[in-house]
């Protein structure tokens, strides 16, 4: 899954985007890159836009590892936007596997619903424009 993220410091918001085929190593590389980013703060919110993911090759052990590596903390709201039933199920599995999460995570089928829940619907075009211009994370296809 080629993926990227950008951090909107003014909104305390991480914008993550994935496309293509979702695979274990790239999913883990994304969370690890975010974790060491000096701009990242644990209480930031997140929009994870996975609408352009066309296939999934992720193991249950990777979902468990993602839950263990969760960098988000108290006060964080995370909206995951998916279009397929398979991605919805994987996001739901991740949601369930997080041990006593301090962050709130919701899964949405429509982008506007996720943006509304995060309180940034009014900035939709600006956020999507910023996210579309970010290059993939180094080392990820």
N, C-alpha and C. Protein backbone atom coordinates (compact mmCIF):
# COMPACT_ATOMS: atom_id res chain seq x y z
N UNK A 1 0.85 -1.17 0.00
CA UNK A 1 0.00 0.00 0.00
C UNK A 1 0.89 1.22 0.00
N UNK A 2 1.02 1.85 -1.08
CA UNK A 2 1.67 3.14 -0.97
C UNK A 2 0.88 3.98 0.03
N UNK A 3 1.57 4.68 0.87
CA UNK A 3 0.86 5.48 1.86
C UNK A 3 1.66 6.74 2.16
N UNK A 4 0.96 7.67 2.74
CA UNK A 4 1.59 8.92 3.13
C UNK A 4 0.81 9.51 4.29
N UNK A 5 1.42 10.47 4.92
CA UNK A 5 0.70 11.25 5.92
C UNK A 5 1.29 12.64 5.94
N UNK A 6 0.48 13.54 6.42
CA UNK A 6 0.94 14.89 6.68
C UNK A 6 0.33 15.30 8.01
N UNK A 7 0.96 16.24 8.65
CA UNK A 7 0.46 16.71 9.94
C UNK A 7 0.06 18.17 9.79
N UNK A 8 -1.18 18.45 10.08
CA UNK A 8 -1.71 19.81 10.07
C UNK A 8 -1.59 20.32 11.51
N UNK A 9 -0.51 21.03 11.78
CA UNK A 9 -0.24 21.49 13.14
C UNK A 9 -1.31 22.45 13.65
N UNK A 10 -1.83 23.30 12.78
CA UNK A 10 -2.85 24.27 13.19
C UNK A 10 -4.11 23.58 13.70
N UNK A 11 -4.42 22.43 13.14
CA UNK A 11 -5.63 21.69 13.54
C UNK A 11 -5.32 20.50 14.46
N UNK A 12 -4.05 20.29 14.78
CA UNK A 12 -3.63 19.11 15.57
C UNK A 12 -4.20 17.84 14.94
N UNK A 13 -3.95 17.69 13.65
CA UNK A 13 -4.59 16.63 12.87
C UNK A 13 -3.56 15.92 11.99
N UNK A 14 -3.55 14.60 12.08
CA UNK A 14 -2.74 13.77 11.18
C UNK A 14 -3.66 13.31 10.06
N UNK A 15 -3.23 13.54 8.83
CA UNK A 15 -3.97 13.09 7.66
C UNK A 15 -3.18 11.94 7.06
N UNK A 16 -3.73 10.74 7.14
CA UNK A 16 -3.08 9.56 6.57
C UNK A 16 -3.88 9.09 5.37
N UNK A 17 -3.17 8.61 4.35
CA UNK A 17 -3.86 8.13 3.15
C UNK A 17 -3.15 6.89 2.65
N UNK A 18 -3.95 5.88 2.26
CA UNK A 18 -3.41 4.68 1.65
C UNK A 18 -4.12 4.40 0.34
N UNK A 19 -3.41 3.75 -0.57
CA UNK A 19 -4.01 3.40 -1.86
C UNK A 19 -3.36 2.12 -2.37
N UNK A 20 -3.99 1.51 -3.35
CA UNK A 20 -3.43 0.30 -3.94
C UNK A 20 -3.66 -0.91 -3.05
N UNK A 21 -2.64 -1.75 -2.92
CA UNK A 21 -2.73 -2.99 -2.14
C UNK A 21 -2.16 -2.75 -0.74
N UNK A 22 -2.96 -3.02 0.26
CA UNK A 22 -2.56 -2.86 1.66
C UNK A 22 -1.78 -4.10 2.08
N UNK A 23 -0.49 -3.93 2.48
CA UNK A 23 0.32 -5.07 2.92
C UNK A 23 0.93 -4.79 4.29
N UNK A 24 1.32 -5.88 4.94
CA UNK A 24 1.83 -5.82 6.31
C UNK A 24 2.96 -4.81 6.51
N UNK A 25 4.04 -4.97 5.76
CA UNK A 25 5.24 -4.16 6.02
C UNK A 25 4.98 -2.68 5.84
N UNK A 26 4.18 -2.32 4.87
CA UNK A 26 3.93 -0.90 4.63
C UNK A 26 3.00 -0.31 5.69
N UNK A 27 2.06 -1.09 6.15
CA UNK A 27 1.17 -0.62 7.21
C UNK A 27 1.98 -0.37 8.49
N UNK A 28 2.88 -1.28 8.82
CA UNK A 28 3.71 -1.11 10.01
C UNK A 28 4.71 0.05 9.83
N UNK A 29 5.25 0.21 8.63
CA UNK A 29 6.17 1.31 8.37
C UNK A 29 5.47 2.66 8.57
N UNK A 30 4.20 2.72 8.21
CA UNK A 30 3.45 3.96 8.37
C UNK A 30 3.35 4.34 9.85
N UNK A 31 2.95 3.42 10.69
CA UNK A 31 2.79 3.75 12.11
C UNK A 31 4.15 4.04 12.75
N UNK A 32 5.19 3.34 12.34
CA UNK A 32 6.52 3.60 12.90
C UNK A 32 7.05 4.96 12.49
N UNK A 33 6.83 5.35 11.24
CA UNK A 33 7.26 6.67 10.77
C UNK A 33 6.55 7.78 11.53
N UNK A 34 5.27 7.60 11.75
CA UNK A 34 4.50 8.59 12.49
C UNK A 34 4.99 8.70 13.93
N UNK A 35 5.26 7.56 14.54
CA UNK A 35 5.69 7.52 15.94
C UNK A 35 6.98 8.30 16.18
N UNK A 36 7.89 8.29 15.22
CA UNK A 36 9.17 8.98 15.41
C UNK A 36 9.18 10.39 14.82
N UNK A 37 8.09 10.80 14.21
CA UNK A 37 8.02 12.14 13.64
C UNK A 37 8.00 13.16 14.77
N UNK A 38 8.96 14.10 14.81
CA UNK A 38 9.02 15.06 15.92
C UNK A 38 7.83 16.00 15.98
N UNK A 39 7.07 16.11 14.91
CA UNK A 39 5.88 16.98 14.91
C UNK A 39 4.67 16.30 15.52
N UNK A 40 4.71 14.98 15.66
CA UNK A 40 3.56 14.23 16.15
C UNK A 40 3.40 14.37 17.65
N UNK A 41 2.16 14.57 18.07
CA UNK A 41 1.80 14.64 19.49
C UNK A 41 0.69 13.62 19.72
N UNK A 42 0.77 12.88 20.81
CA UNK A 42 -0.14 11.75 21.06
C UNK A 42 -1.63 12.12 21.10
N UNK A 43 -1.95 13.36 21.41
CA UNK A 43 -3.37 13.72 21.50
C UNK A 43 -3.91 14.32 20.19
N UNK A 44 -3.10 14.31 19.12
CA UNK A 44 -3.59 14.76 17.83
C UNK A 44 -4.73 13.85 17.35
N UNK A 45 -5.59 14.41 16.53
CA UNK A 45 -6.64 13.62 15.88
C UNK A 45 -6.07 13.05 14.59
N UNK A 46 -6.81 12.11 13.97
CA UNK A 46 -6.35 11.51 12.73
C UNK A 46 -7.52 11.24 11.79
N UNK A 47 -7.28 11.52 10.52
CA UNK A 47 -8.14 11.05 9.45
C UNK A 47 -7.33 10.04 8.68
N UNK A 48 -7.77 8.78 8.64
CA UNK A 48 -7.12 7.73 7.86
C UNK A 48 -8.03 7.44 6.66
N UNK A 49 -7.62 7.93 5.51
CA UNK A 49 -8.41 7.80 4.29
C UNK A 49 -7.93 6.58 3.52
N UNK A 50 -8.72 5.50 3.58
CA UNK A 50 -8.37 4.24 2.90
C UNK A 50 -9.33 3.96 1.74
N UNK A 51 -9.98 4.98 1.24
CA UNK A 51 -10.96 4.79 0.16
C UNK A 51 -10.35 4.26 -1.12
N UNK A 52 -9.06 4.50 -1.34
CA UNK A 52 -8.42 4.07 -2.58
C UNK A 52 -7.64 2.76 -2.45
N UNK A 53 -7.82 2.06 -1.34
CA UNK A 53 -7.21 0.73 -1.20
C UNK A 53 -8.06 -0.25 -2.01
N UNK A 54 -7.39 -0.99 -2.91
CA UNK A 54 -8.12 -1.89 -3.81
C UNK A 54 -8.03 -3.35 -3.42
N UNK A 55 -7.04 -3.71 -2.59
CA UNK A 55 -6.90 -5.09 -2.15
C UNK A 55 -6.18 -5.09 -0.81
N UNK A 56 -6.34 -6.19 -0.08
CA UNK A 56 -5.77 -6.29 1.26
C UNK A 56 -5.00 -7.59 1.40
N UNK A 57 -3.74 -7.48 1.81
CA UNK A 57 -2.89 -8.64 2.09
C UNK A 57 -2.24 -8.43 3.45
N UNK A 58 -3.07 -8.40 4.48
CA UNK A 58 -2.62 -8.12 5.85
C UNK A 58 -3.00 -9.29 6.74
N UNK A 59 -2.07 -9.71 7.59
CA UNK A 59 -2.32 -10.83 8.50
C UNK A 59 -2.92 -10.33 9.82
N UNK A 60 -3.54 -11.25 10.51
CA UNK A 60 -4.10 -10.93 11.83
C UNK A 60 -2.99 -10.52 12.79
N UNK A 61 -1.80 -11.10 12.65
CA UNK A 61 -0.70 -10.73 13.56
C UNK A 61 -0.27 -9.28 13.34
N UNK A 62 -0.37 -8.80 12.11
CA UNK A 62 -0.04 -7.38 11.86
C UNK A 62 -1.09 -6.47 12.49
N UNK A 63 -2.34 -6.86 12.42
CA UNK A 63 -3.39 -6.06 13.06
C UNK A 63 -3.14 -6.00 14.57
N UNK A 64 -2.75 -7.13 15.16
CA UNK A 64 -2.43 -7.13 16.59
C UNK A 64 -1.22 -6.24 16.89
N UNK A 65 -0.21 -6.28 16.03
CA UNK A 65 0.99 -5.44 16.21
C UNK A 65 0.63 -3.97 16.08
N UNK A 66 -0.22 -3.65 15.14
CA UNK A 66 -0.68 -2.26 14.97
C UNK A 66 -1.39 -1.78 16.24
N UNK A 67 -2.20 -2.64 16.82
CA UNK A 67 -2.91 -2.28 18.06
C UNK A 67 -1.91 -2.04 19.18
N UNK A 68 -0.86 -2.86 19.24
CA UNK A 68 0.17 -2.71 20.27
C UNK A 68 0.97 -1.43 20.06
N UNK A 69 1.23 -1.06 18.82
CA UNK A 69 2.04 0.12 18.51
C UNK A 69 1.25 1.43 18.51
N UNK A 70 -0.02 1.38 18.73
CA UNK A 70 -0.88 2.57 18.66
C UNK A 70 -0.23 3.78 19.33
N UNK A 71 0.13 4.80 18.55
CA UNK A 71 0.82 5.95 19.15
C UNK A 71 -0.12 7.02 19.71
N UNK A 72 -1.42 6.86 19.51
CA UNK A 72 -2.37 7.89 19.92
C UNK A 72 -2.76 7.71 21.38
N UNK A 73 -3.07 8.84 22.03
CA UNK A 73 -3.37 8.80 23.45
C UNK A 73 -4.61 9.58 23.83
N UNK A 74 -4.66 10.00 25.09
CA UNK A 74 -5.81 10.70 25.66
C UNK A 74 -6.25 11.88 24.80
N UNK A 75 -7.54 11.93 24.56
CA UNK A 75 -8.12 13.06 23.84
C UNK A 75 -8.08 12.94 22.33
N UNK A 76 -7.41 11.93 21.82
CA UNK A 76 -7.29 11.77 20.38
C UNK A 76 -8.56 11.15 19.80
N UNK A 77 -9.00 11.71 18.67
CA UNK A 77 -10.12 11.14 17.92
C UNK A 77 -9.58 10.71 16.57
N UNK A 78 -9.91 9.48 16.15
CA UNK A 78 -9.39 8.93 14.91
C UNK A 78 -10.55 8.42 14.06
N UNK A 79 -10.62 8.94 12.84
CA UNK A 79 -11.66 8.54 11.89
C UNK A 79 -11.00 7.74 10.78
N UNK A 80 -11.42 6.49 10.61
CA UNK A 80 -10.94 5.63 9.54
C UNK A 80 -12.05 5.55 8.50
N UNK A 81 -11.72 5.92 7.26
CA UNK A 81 -12.73 5.93 6.19
C UNK A 81 -12.40 4.80 5.22
N UNK A 82 -13.36 3.89 5.05
CA UNK A 82 -13.20 2.73 4.18
C UNK A 82 -14.41 2.60 3.27
N UNK A 83 -14.23 1.88 2.17
CA UNK A 83 -15.36 1.65 1.27
C UNK A 83 -15.73 0.17 1.14
N UNK A 84 -14.81 -0.73 1.45
CA UNK A 84 -15.11 -2.16 1.28
C UNK A 84 -15.45 -2.82 2.61
N UNK A 85 -16.20 -3.90 2.52
CA UNK A 85 -16.54 -4.67 3.72
C UNK A 85 -15.29 -5.28 4.35
N UNK A 86 -14.33 -5.72 3.52
CA UNK A 86 -13.10 -6.31 4.04
C UNK A 86 -12.31 -5.29 4.86
N UNK A 87 -12.15 -4.09 4.33
CA UNK A 87 -11.45 -3.05 5.08
C UNK A 87 -12.21 -2.65 6.34
N UNK A 88 -13.52 -2.61 6.25
CA UNK A 88 -14.32 -2.30 7.44
C UNK A 88 -14.04 -3.35 8.52
N UNK A 89 -14.04 -4.63 8.12
CA UNK A 89 -13.79 -5.71 9.08
C UNK A 89 -12.40 -5.63 9.70
N UNK A 90 -11.41 -5.30 8.89
CA UNK A 90 -10.05 -5.17 9.42
C UNK A 90 -9.94 -3.99 10.38
N UNK A 91 -10.55 -2.88 10.01
CA UNK A 91 -10.52 -1.71 10.90
C UNK A 91 -11.25 -2.03 12.21
N UNK A 92 -12.33 -2.77 12.11
CA UNK A 92 -13.09 -3.16 13.31
C UNK A 92 -12.25 -4.09 14.20
N UNK A 93 -11.52 -5.01 13.57
CA UNK A 93 -10.64 -5.91 14.32
C UNK A 93 -9.59 -5.09 15.08
N UNK A 94 -8.99 -4.13 14.39
CA UNK A 94 -8.01 -3.25 15.03
C UNK A 94 -8.65 -2.50 16.20
N UNK A 95 -9.85 -1.99 15.98
CA UNK A 95 -10.56 -1.23 17.01
C UNK A 95 -10.77 -2.09 18.26
N UNK A 96 -11.11 -3.33 18.07
CA UNK A 96 -11.39 -4.24 19.19
C UNK A 96 -10.12 -4.67 19.90
N UNK A 97 -9.03 -4.87 19.17
CA UNK A 97 -7.79 -5.40 19.75
C UNK A 97 -7.01 -4.39 20.58
N UNK A 98 -7.31 -3.11 20.48
CA UNK A 98 -6.58 -2.13 21.26
C UNK A 98 -6.91 -2.33 22.73
N UNK A 99 -5.88 -2.53 23.55
CA UNK A 99 -6.08 -2.74 24.99
C UNK A 99 -6.35 -1.42 25.68
N UNK A 100 -7.51 -1.29 26.28
CA UNK A 100 -7.86 -0.10 27.06
C UNK A 100 -7.40 1.18 26.37
N UNK A 101 -7.89 1.43 25.17
CA UNK A 101 -7.40 2.59 24.41
C UNK A 101 -7.80 3.92 25.04
N UNK A 102 -6.87 4.85 25.00
CA UNK A 102 -7.14 6.20 25.50
C UNK A 102 -7.73 7.06 24.40
N UNK A 103 -7.53 6.64 23.14
CA UNK A 103 -8.04 7.39 22.01
C UNK A 103 -9.40 6.85 21.58
N UNK A 104 -10.16 7.68 20.89
CA UNK A 104 -11.44 7.27 20.33
C UNK A 104 -11.22 6.96 18.85
N UNK A 105 -11.73 5.83 18.39
CA UNK A 105 -11.60 5.46 16.99
C UNK A 105 -12.96 5.06 16.46
N UNK A 106 -13.34 5.67 15.35
CA UNK A 106 -14.60 5.33 14.69
C UNK A 106 -14.30 5.01 13.23
N UNK A 107 -15.11 4.15 12.66
CA UNK A 107 -14.96 3.72 11.27
C UNK A 107 -16.14 4.26 10.48
N UNK A 108 -15.84 4.84 9.33
CA UNK A 108 -16.87 5.47 8.51
C UNK A 108 -16.82 4.94 7.08
N UNK A 109 -17.97 4.93 6.43
CA UNK A 109 -18.06 4.55 5.02
C UNK A 109 -18.00 5.78 4.11
N UNK A 110 -18.29 6.95 4.68
CA UNK A 110 -18.30 8.19 3.89
C UNK A 110 -17.32 9.19 4.50
N UNK A 111 -16.51 9.78 3.63
CA UNK A 111 -15.50 10.74 4.07
C UNK A 111 -16.11 11.88 4.86
N UNK A 112 -17.19 12.45 4.37
CA UNK A 112 -17.78 13.61 5.05
C UNK A 112 -18.23 13.27 6.46
N UNK A 113 -18.68 12.03 6.69
CA UNK A 113 -19.08 11.64 8.04
C UNK A 113 -17.87 11.63 8.98
N UNK A 114 -16.73 11.13 8.50
CA UNK A 114 -15.52 11.14 9.31
C UNK A 114 -15.02 12.55 9.60
N UNK A 115 -15.04 13.39 8.56
CA UNK A 115 -14.63 14.78 8.75
C UNK A 115 -15.54 15.52 9.71
N UNK A 116 -16.83 15.26 9.62
CA UNK A 116 -17.80 15.89 10.53
C UNK A 116 -17.52 15.46 11.97
N UNK A 117 -17.27 14.17 12.18
CA UNK A 117 -17.01 13.64 13.52
C UNK A 117 -15.73 14.27 14.10
N UNK A 118 -14.76 14.54 13.24
CA UNK A 118 -13.52 15.19 13.69
C UNK A 118 -13.67 16.70 13.85
N UNK A 119 -14.77 17.25 13.37
CA UNK A 119 -15.01 18.69 13.48
C UNK A 119 -14.27 19.51 12.44
N UNK A 120 -13.91 18.90 11.29
CA UNK A 120 -13.16 19.62 10.26
C UNK A 120 -13.83 19.55 8.89
N UNK A 121 -15.12 19.27 8.86
CA UNK A 121 -15.82 19.17 7.57
C UNK A 121 -15.70 20.46 6.76
N UNK A 122 -15.69 21.59 7.44
CA UNK A 122 -15.60 22.89 6.75
C UNK A 122 -14.26 23.08 6.03
N UNK A 123 -13.27 22.28 6.35
CA UNK A 123 -11.95 22.38 5.71
C UNK A 123 -11.70 21.22 4.74
N UNK A 124 -12.74 20.56 4.31
CA UNK A 124 -12.63 19.35 3.49
C UNK A 124 -11.69 19.51 2.30
N UNK A 125 -11.93 20.47 1.45
CA UNK A 125 -11.14 20.62 0.23
C UNK A 125 -9.69 20.94 0.54
N UNK A 126 -9.46 21.79 1.51
CA UNK A 126 -8.09 22.15 1.90
C UNK A 126 -7.33 20.93 2.42
N UNK A 127 -7.97 20.13 3.26
CA UNK A 127 -7.32 18.95 3.83
C UNK A 127 -7.02 17.91 2.76
N UNK A 128 -7.98 17.65 1.87
CA UNK A 128 -7.76 16.67 0.82
C UNK A 128 -6.70 17.13 -0.17
N UNK A 129 -6.66 18.40 -0.45
CA UNK A 129 -5.63 18.94 -1.32
C UNK A 129 -4.25 18.75 -0.70
N UNK A 130 -4.13 19.07 0.57
CA UNK A 130 -2.85 18.91 1.27
C UNK A 130 -2.42 17.45 1.28
N UNK A 131 -3.34 16.56 1.54
CA UNK A 131 -3.01 15.14 1.61
C UNK A 131 -2.62 14.59 0.25
N UNK A 132 -3.24 15.05 -0.81
CA UNK A 132 -2.94 14.52 -2.15
C UNK A 132 -1.56 14.95 -2.64
N UNK A 133 -0.98 15.96 -2.02
CA UNK A 133 0.31 16.49 -2.46
C UNK A 133 1.50 15.92 -1.69
N UNK A 134 1.23 15.11 -0.68
CA UNK A 134 2.32 14.58 0.14
C UNK A 134 2.91 13.34 -0.53
N UNK A 135 4.23 13.27 -0.65
CA UNK A 135 4.84 12.10 -1.25
C UNK A 135 4.73 10.88 -0.34
N UNK A 136 4.82 9.68 -0.90
CA UNK A 136 4.79 8.48 -0.06
C UNK A 136 5.92 8.49 0.97
N UNK A 137 5.74 7.76 2.04
CA UNK A 137 6.76 7.64 3.09
C UNK A 137 8.00 7.00 2.48
N UNK A 138 9.19 7.53 2.73
CA UNK A 138 10.41 6.93 2.18
C UNK A 138 10.51 5.45 2.54
N UNK A 139 10.91 4.65 1.56
CA UNK A 139 11.04 3.22 1.78
C UNK A 139 9.77 2.45 1.50
N UNK A 140 8.69 3.17 1.22
CA UNK A 140 7.43 2.51 0.89
C UNK A 140 7.14 2.83 -0.57
N UNK A 141 6.78 1.80 -1.34
CA UNK A 141 6.59 1.98 -2.78
C UNK A 141 5.82 3.20 -3.13
